[in-house]
Amino acid sequence: MTREDALAVLFEFTKSESLRRHALQVEVCVAAYAQHFSADEEEWRVTALLHDFDYEIHPSAPEHPMNGEAILIQRGVSPTIRRAILSHANYSGVTRDSLLEKSLFACD
């Protein structure tokens, strides 16, 4: 998935301007970490943009972000990105092991 694809998903499911701004701000922060760690910046940007895409339709735990994962699977989002998104919720049971997962949690 490209950054443009992720923005389309974000804007499709997120109508709140403040939540859209939040995703964009987390993206900037996560992208800086990607550059620092010489990681795949596009993948990290996509992860940041999508991490709360389902919040308006699943605003409470444990639905967010677990129920949103099904949508991401349908959209072809990679397992690496989906795992990082799941790991940003303390209650998901998904540990934060990778630099991407840790960076997303820190920036969020």
N, C-alpha and C. Protein backbone atom coordinates (compact mmCIF):
# COMPACT_ATOMS: atom_id res chain seq x y z
N MET A 1 0.85 -1.18 0.00
CA MET A 1 0.00 0.00 0.00
C MET A 1 0.89 1.23 0.00
N THR A 2 0.52 2.21 -0.79
CA THR A 2 1.27 3.46 -0.86
C THR A 2 0.71 4.47 0.15
N ARG A 3 1.47 5.53 0.34
CA ARG A 3 1.00 6.61 1.21
C ARG A 3 -0.33 7.18 0.68
N GLU A 4 -0.43 7.33 -0.62
CA GLU A 4 -1.66 7.87 -1.22
C GLU A 4 -2.85 6.94 -0.95
N ASP A 5 -2.62 5.63 -1.04
CA ASP A 5 -3.67 4.66 -0.73
C ASP A 5 -4.09 4.79 0.75
N ALA A 6 -3.10 4.93 1.62
CA ALA A 6 -3.39 5.06 3.05
C ALA A 6 -4.17 6.33 3.35
N LEU A 7 -3.82 7.41 2.69
CA LEU A 7 -4.58 8.66 2.86
C LEU A 7 -6.02 8.48 2.41
N ALA A 8 -6.23 7.77 1.32
CA ALA A 8 -7.59 7.53 0.83
C ALA A 8 -8.39 6.74 1.86
N VAL A 9 -7.79 5.71 2.46
CA VAL A 9 -8.48 4.93 3.49
C VAL A 9 -8.76 5.81 4.71
N LEU A 10 -7.76 6.56 5.14
CA LEU A 10 -7.94 7.47 6.28
C LEU A 10 -9.12 8.41 6.05
N PHE A 11 -9.15 9.05 4.89
CA PHE A 11 -10.20 10.03 4.62
C PHE A 11 -11.56 9.38 4.39
N GLU A 12 -11.56 8.14 3.92
CA GLU A 12 -12.82 7.41 3.75
C GLU A 12 -13.49 7.13 5.10
N PHE A 13 -12.71 6.74 6.08
CA PHE A 13 -13.26 6.31 7.36
C PHE A 13 -13.21 7.37 8.45
N THR A 14 -12.40 8.40 8.27
CA THR A 14 -12.21 9.41 9.31
C THR A 14 -12.72 10.75 8.81
N LYS A 15 -13.79 11.22 9.40
CA LYS A 15 -14.39 12.49 8.98
C LYS A 15 -13.96 13.65 9.87
N SER A 16 -13.54 13.36 11.08
CA SER A 16 -13.12 14.39 12.03
C SER A 16 -11.80 15.02 11.59
N GLU A 17 -11.81 16.33 11.46
CA GLU A 17 -10.59 17.04 11.06
C GLU A 17 -9.49 16.86 12.11
N SER A 18 -9.85 16.86 13.37
CA SER A 18 -8.82 16.71 14.41
C SER A 18 -8.20 15.32 14.39
N LEU A 19 -8.98 14.30 14.12
CA LEU A 19 -8.42 12.94 14.05
C LEU A 19 -7.57 12.77 12.79
N ARG A 20 -7.96 13.42 11.71
CA ARG A 20 -7.12 13.40 10.50
C ARG A 20 -5.79 14.10 10.77
N ARG A 21 -5.84 15.25 11.45
CA ARG A 21 -4.61 15.96 11.79
C ARG A 21 -3.72 15.11 12.69
N HIS A 22 -4.34 14.40 13.64
CA HIS A 22 -3.59 13.52 14.54
C HIS A 22 -2.82 12.49 13.72
N ALA A 23 -3.47 11.86 12.76
CA ALA A 23 -2.81 10.85 11.93
C ALA A 23 -1.65 11.46 11.16
N LEU A 24 -1.85 12.64 10.62
CA LEU A 24 -0.79 13.31 9.87
C LEU A 24 0.38 13.70 10.76
N GLN A 25 0.08 14.10 11.98
CA GLN A 25 1.15 14.47 12.92
C GLN A 25 1.94 13.24 13.37
N VAL A 26 1.24 12.15 13.63
CA VAL A 26 1.93 10.90 13.98
C VAL A 26 2.78 10.45 12.79
N GLU A 27 2.26 10.63 11.58
CA GLU A 27 3.03 10.27 10.39
C GLU A 27 4.36 11.00 10.34
N VAL A 28 4.35 12.29 10.59
CA VAL A 28 5.59 13.08 10.55
C VAL A 28 6.59 12.55 11.57
N CYS A 29 6.13 12.28 12.76
CA CYS A 29 6.99 11.77 13.82
C CYS A 29 7.55 10.39 13.48
N VAL A 30 6.69 9.50 13.03
CA VAL A 30 7.12 8.14 12.69
C VAL A 30 8.08 8.17 11.49
N ALA A 31 7.85 9.04 10.55
CA ALA A 31 8.74 9.15 9.39
C ALA A 31 10.14 9.59 9.82
N ALA A 32 10.21 10.47 10.80
CA ALA A 32 11.52 10.89 11.31
C ALA A 32 12.26 9.71 11.92
N TYR A 33 11.54 8.86 12.65
CA TYR A 33 12.17 7.66 13.20
C TYR A 33 12.61 6.71 12.08
N ALA A 34 11.80 6.59 11.05
CA ALA A 34 12.17 5.72 9.92
C ALA A 34 13.49 6.20 9.30
N GLN A 35 13.60 7.50 9.12
CA GLN A 35 14.84 8.05 8.58
C GLN A 35 16.01 7.77 9.53
N HIS A 36 15.79 7.98 10.81
CA HIS A 36 16.83 7.76 11.82
C HIS A 36 17.32 6.31 11.80
N PHE A 37 16.39 5.37 11.67
CA PHE A 37 16.73 3.95 11.70
C PHE A 37 17.01 3.36 10.31
N SER A 38 17.00 4.22 9.28
CA SER A 38 17.20 3.78 7.89
C SER A 38 16.20 2.68 7.51
N ALA A 39 14.96 2.88 7.92
CA ALA A 39 13.88 1.93 7.66
C ALA A 39 13.10 2.35 6.42
N ASP A 40 12.14 1.54 6.04
CA ASP A 40 11.28 1.81 4.89
C ASP A 40 10.30 2.93 5.27
N GLU A 41 10.64 4.14 4.86
CA GLU A 41 9.85 5.30 5.27
C GLU A 41 8.41 5.23 4.79
N GLU A 42 8.19 4.77 3.58
CA GLU A 42 6.83 4.67 3.05
C GLU A 42 5.98 3.72 3.91
N GLU A 43 6.54 2.57 4.26
CA GLU A 43 5.83 1.61 5.11
C GLU A 43 5.51 2.23 6.47
N TRP A 44 6.44 2.94 7.04
CA TRP A 44 6.22 3.55 8.35
C TRP A 44 5.18 4.67 8.26
N ARG A 45 5.19 5.44 7.17
CA ARG A 45 4.18 6.50 6.97
C ARG A 45 2.78 5.89 6.85
N VAL A 46 2.68 4.83 6.08
CA VAL A 46 1.38 4.15 5.91
C VAL A 46 0.87 3.67 7.26
N THR A 47 1.75 3.07 8.04
CA THR A 47 1.37 2.58 9.37
C THR A 47 0.82 3.71 10.23
N ALA A 48 1.51 4.81 10.25
CA ALA A 48 1.08 5.95 11.07
C ALA A 48 -0.26 6.50 10.59
N LEU A 49 -0.42 6.62 9.30
CA LEU A 49 -1.67 7.17 8.76
C LEU A 49 -2.87 6.28 9.08
N LEU A 50 -2.64 4.98 9.14
CA LEU A 50 -3.75 4.05 9.33
C LEU A 50 -3.99 3.65 10.79
N HIS A 51 -3.13 4.06 11.70
CA HIS A 51 -3.20 3.49 13.05
C HIS A 51 -4.53 3.76 13.76
N ASP A 52 -5.19 4.85 13.45
CA ASP A 52 -6.49 5.17 14.07
C ASP A 52 -7.60 5.34 13.03
N PHE A 53 -7.41 4.80 11.83
CA PHE A 53 -8.38 5.04 10.75
C PHE A 53 -9.79 4.59 11.13
N ASP A 54 -9.91 3.58 11.99
CA ASP A 54 -11.21 3.00 12.34
C ASP A 54 -11.79 3.56 13.63
N TYR A 55 -11.16 4.55 14.20
CA TYR A 55 -11.55 5.02 15.54
C TYR A 55 -12.99 5.54 15.57
N GLU A 56 -13.44 6.20 14.53
CA GLU A 56 -14.81 6.73 14.53
C GLU A 56 -15.87 5.64 14.43
N ILE A 57 -15.54 4.53 13.78
CA ILE A 57 -16.52 3.45 13.68
C ILE A 57 -16.37 2.43 14.81
N HIS A 58 -15.20 2.41 15.44
CA HIS A 58 -14.93 1.52 16.58
C HIS A 58 -14.24 2.33 17.68
N PRO A 59 -14.97 3.22 18.36
CA PRO A 59 -14.32 4.15 19.27
C PRO A 59 -13.91 3.59 20.64
N SER A 60 -14.22 2.36 20.92
CA SER A 60 -13.90 1.87 22.25
C SER A 60 -13.15 0.54 22.18
N ALA A 61 -12.46 0.28 23.26
CA ALA A 61 -11.76 -1.00 23.40
C ALA A 61 -12.81 -2.06 23.67
N PRO A 62 -12.64 -3.23 23.20
CA PRO A 62 -11.53 -3.72 22.39
C PRO A 62 -11.76 -3.65 20.89
N GLU A 63 -12.83 -2.98 20.45
CA GLU A 63 -13.09 -2.96 19.01
C GLU A 63 -11.98 -2.26 18.22
N HIS A 64 -11.50 -1.13 18.75
CA HIS A 64 -10.40 -0.41 18.08
C HIS A 64 -9.08 -0.88 18.66
N PRO A 65 -8.16 -1.29 17.88
CA PRO A 65 -8.12 -1.39 16.43
C PRO A 65 -8.40 -2.79 15.88
N MET A 66 -8.82 -3.70 16.74
CA MET A 66 -8.97 -5.09 16.31
C MET A 66 -10.00 -5.26 15.19
N ASN A 67 -11.15 -4.62 15.31
CA ASN A 67 -12.16 -4.77 14.26
C ASN A 67 -11.75 -4.10 12.96
N GLY A 68 -10.93 -3.06 13.07
CA GLY A 68 -10.44 -2.40 11.87
C GLY A 68 -9.49 -3.25 11.06
N GLU A 69 -8.86 -4.23 11.70
CA GLU A 69 -7.91 -5.06 10.98
C GLU A 69 -8.55 -5.78 9.80
N ALA A 70 -9.79 -6.21 9.95
CA ALA A 70 -10.48 -6.90 8.85
C ALA A 70 -10.56 -6.01 7.61
N ILE A 71 -10.81 -4.74 7.82
CA ILE A 71 -10.86 -3.79 6.70
C ILE A 71 -9.49 -3.68 6.05
N LEU A 72 -8.45 -3.62 6.89
CA LEU A 72 -7.10 -3.50 6.36
C LEU A 72 -6.69 -4.75 5.57
N ILE A 73 -7.12 -5.90 6.03
CA ILE A 73 -6.85 -7.13 5.28
C ILE A 73 -7.50 -7.05 3.91
N GLN A 74 -8.76 -6.61 3.86
CA GLN A 74 -9.47 -6.47 2.59
C GLN A 74 -8.78 -5.49 1.65
N ARG A 75 -8.14 -4.48 2.23
CA ARG A 75 -7.46 -3.46 1.43
C ARG A 75 -6.04 -3.86 1.06
N GLY A 76 -5.60 -5.03 1.49
CA GLY A 76 -4.28 -5.53 1.12
C GLY A 76 -3.14 -4.99 1.95
N VAL A 77 -3.43 -4.52 3.14
CA VAL A 77 -2.38 -3.99 4.01
C VAL A 77 -1.54 -5.15 4.55
N SER A 78 -0.25 -4.96 4.54
CA SER A 78 0.68 -6.03 4.92
C SER A 78 0.54 -6.44 6.38
N PRO A 79 0.90 -7.67 6.68
CA PRO A 79 0.88 -8.13 8.07
C PRO A 79 1.77 -7.29 9.00
N THR A 80 2.89 -6.81 8.49
CA THR A 80 3.79 -5.99 9.30
C THR A 80 3.10 -4.72 9.77
N ILE A 81 2.42 -4.06 8.87
CA ILE A 81 1.70 -2.82 9.21
C ILE A 81 0.54 -3.13 10.14
N ARG A 82 -0.21 -4.16 9.84
CA ARG A 82 -1.36 -4.52 10.69
C ARG A 82 -0.91 -4.86 12.09
N ARG A 83 0.18 -5.58 12.23
CA ARG A 83 0.69 -5.94 13.56
C ARG A 83 1.09 -4.69 14.34
N ALA A 84 1.78 -3.77 13.68
CA ALA A 84 2.18 -2.53 14.35
C ALA A 84 0.96 -1.76 14.83
N ILE A 85 -0.08 -1.70 14.00
CA ILE A 85 -1.30 -0.99 14.39
C ILE A 85 -1.95 -1.67 15.58
N LEU A 86 -2.03 -2.99 15.55
CA LEU A 86 -2.60 -3.71 16.70
C LEU A 86 -1.77 -3.48 17.96
N SER A 87 -0.46 -3.41 17.81
CA SER A 87 0.40 -3.27 18.99
C SER A 87 0.30 -1.91 19.65
N HIS A 88 -0.25 -0.91 18.96
CA HIS A 88 -0.31 0.42 19.59
C HIS A 88 -1.40 0.49 20.67
N ALA A 89 -2.26 -0.51 20.74
CA ALA A 89 -3.29 -0.56 21.78
C ALA A 89 -2.78 -1.46 22.91
N ASN A 90 -2.67 -0.91 24.10
CA ASN A 90 -2.15 -1.68 25.24
C ASN A 90 -2.95 -2.94 25.52
N TYR A 91 -4.23 -2.93 25.20
CA TYR A 91 -5.14 -4.03 25.53
C TYR A 91 -5.23 -5.09 24.43
N SER A 92 -4.48 -4.93 23.35
CA SER A 92 -4.61 -5.85 22.22
C SER A 92 -3.93 -7.20 22.46
N GLY A 93 -2.98 -7.23 23.37
CA GLY A 93 -2.22 -8.46 23.59
C GLY A 93 -1.09 -8.65 22.59
N VAL A 94 -0.92 -7.70 21.66
CA VAL A 94 0.16 -7.76 20.69
C VAL A 94 1.34 -6.97 21.24
N THR A 95 2.45 -7.65 21.42
CA THR A 95 3.63 -6.99 21.99
C THR A 95 4.27 -6.05 20.97
N ARG A 96 5.01 -5.09 21.50
CA ARG A 96 5.74 -4.16 20.64
C ARG A 96 7.20 -4.63 20.59
N ASP A 97 7.54 -5.32 19.51
CA ASP A 97 8.87 -5.91 19.39
C ASP A 97 9.75 -5.17 18.37
N SER A 98 9.18 -4.73 17.28
CA SER A 98 9.97 -4.12 16.21
C SER A 98 10.16 -2.62 16.46
N LEU A 99 11.12 -2.05 15.77
CA LEU A 99 11.32 -0.60 15.86
C LEU A 99 10.10 0.16 15.37
N LEU A 100 9.44 -0.36 14.34
CA LEU A 100 8.21 0.27 13.85
C LEU A 100 7.14 0.28 14.94
N GLU A 101 6.93 -0.85 15.57
CA GLU A 101 5.91 -0.94 16.62
C GLU A 101 6.22 -0.01 17.78
N LYS A 102 7.45 0.02 18.20
CA LYS A 102 7.85 0.90 19.31
C LYS A 102 7.75 2.36 18.93
N SER A 103 8.13 2.69 17.70
CA SER A 103 8.07 4.08 17.25
C SER A 103 6.64 4.57 17.12
N LEU A 104 5.76 3.73 16.57
CA LEU A 104 4.36 4.12 16.46
C LEU A 104 3.77 4.39 17.84
N PHE A 105 4.04 3.51 18.79
CA PHE A 105 3.52 3.69 20.15
C PHE A 105 4.05 4.98 20.75
N ALA A 106 5.32 5.24 20.59
CA ALA A 106 5.93 6.45 21.16
C ALA A 106 5.35 7.72 20.53
N CYS A 107 5.16 7.70 19.23
CA CYS A 107 4.67 8.90 18.54
C CYS A 107 3.18 9.14 18.76
N ASP A 108 2.44 8.06 18.95
CA ASP A 108 1.00 8.20 19.17
C ASP A 108 0.75 8.82 20.54
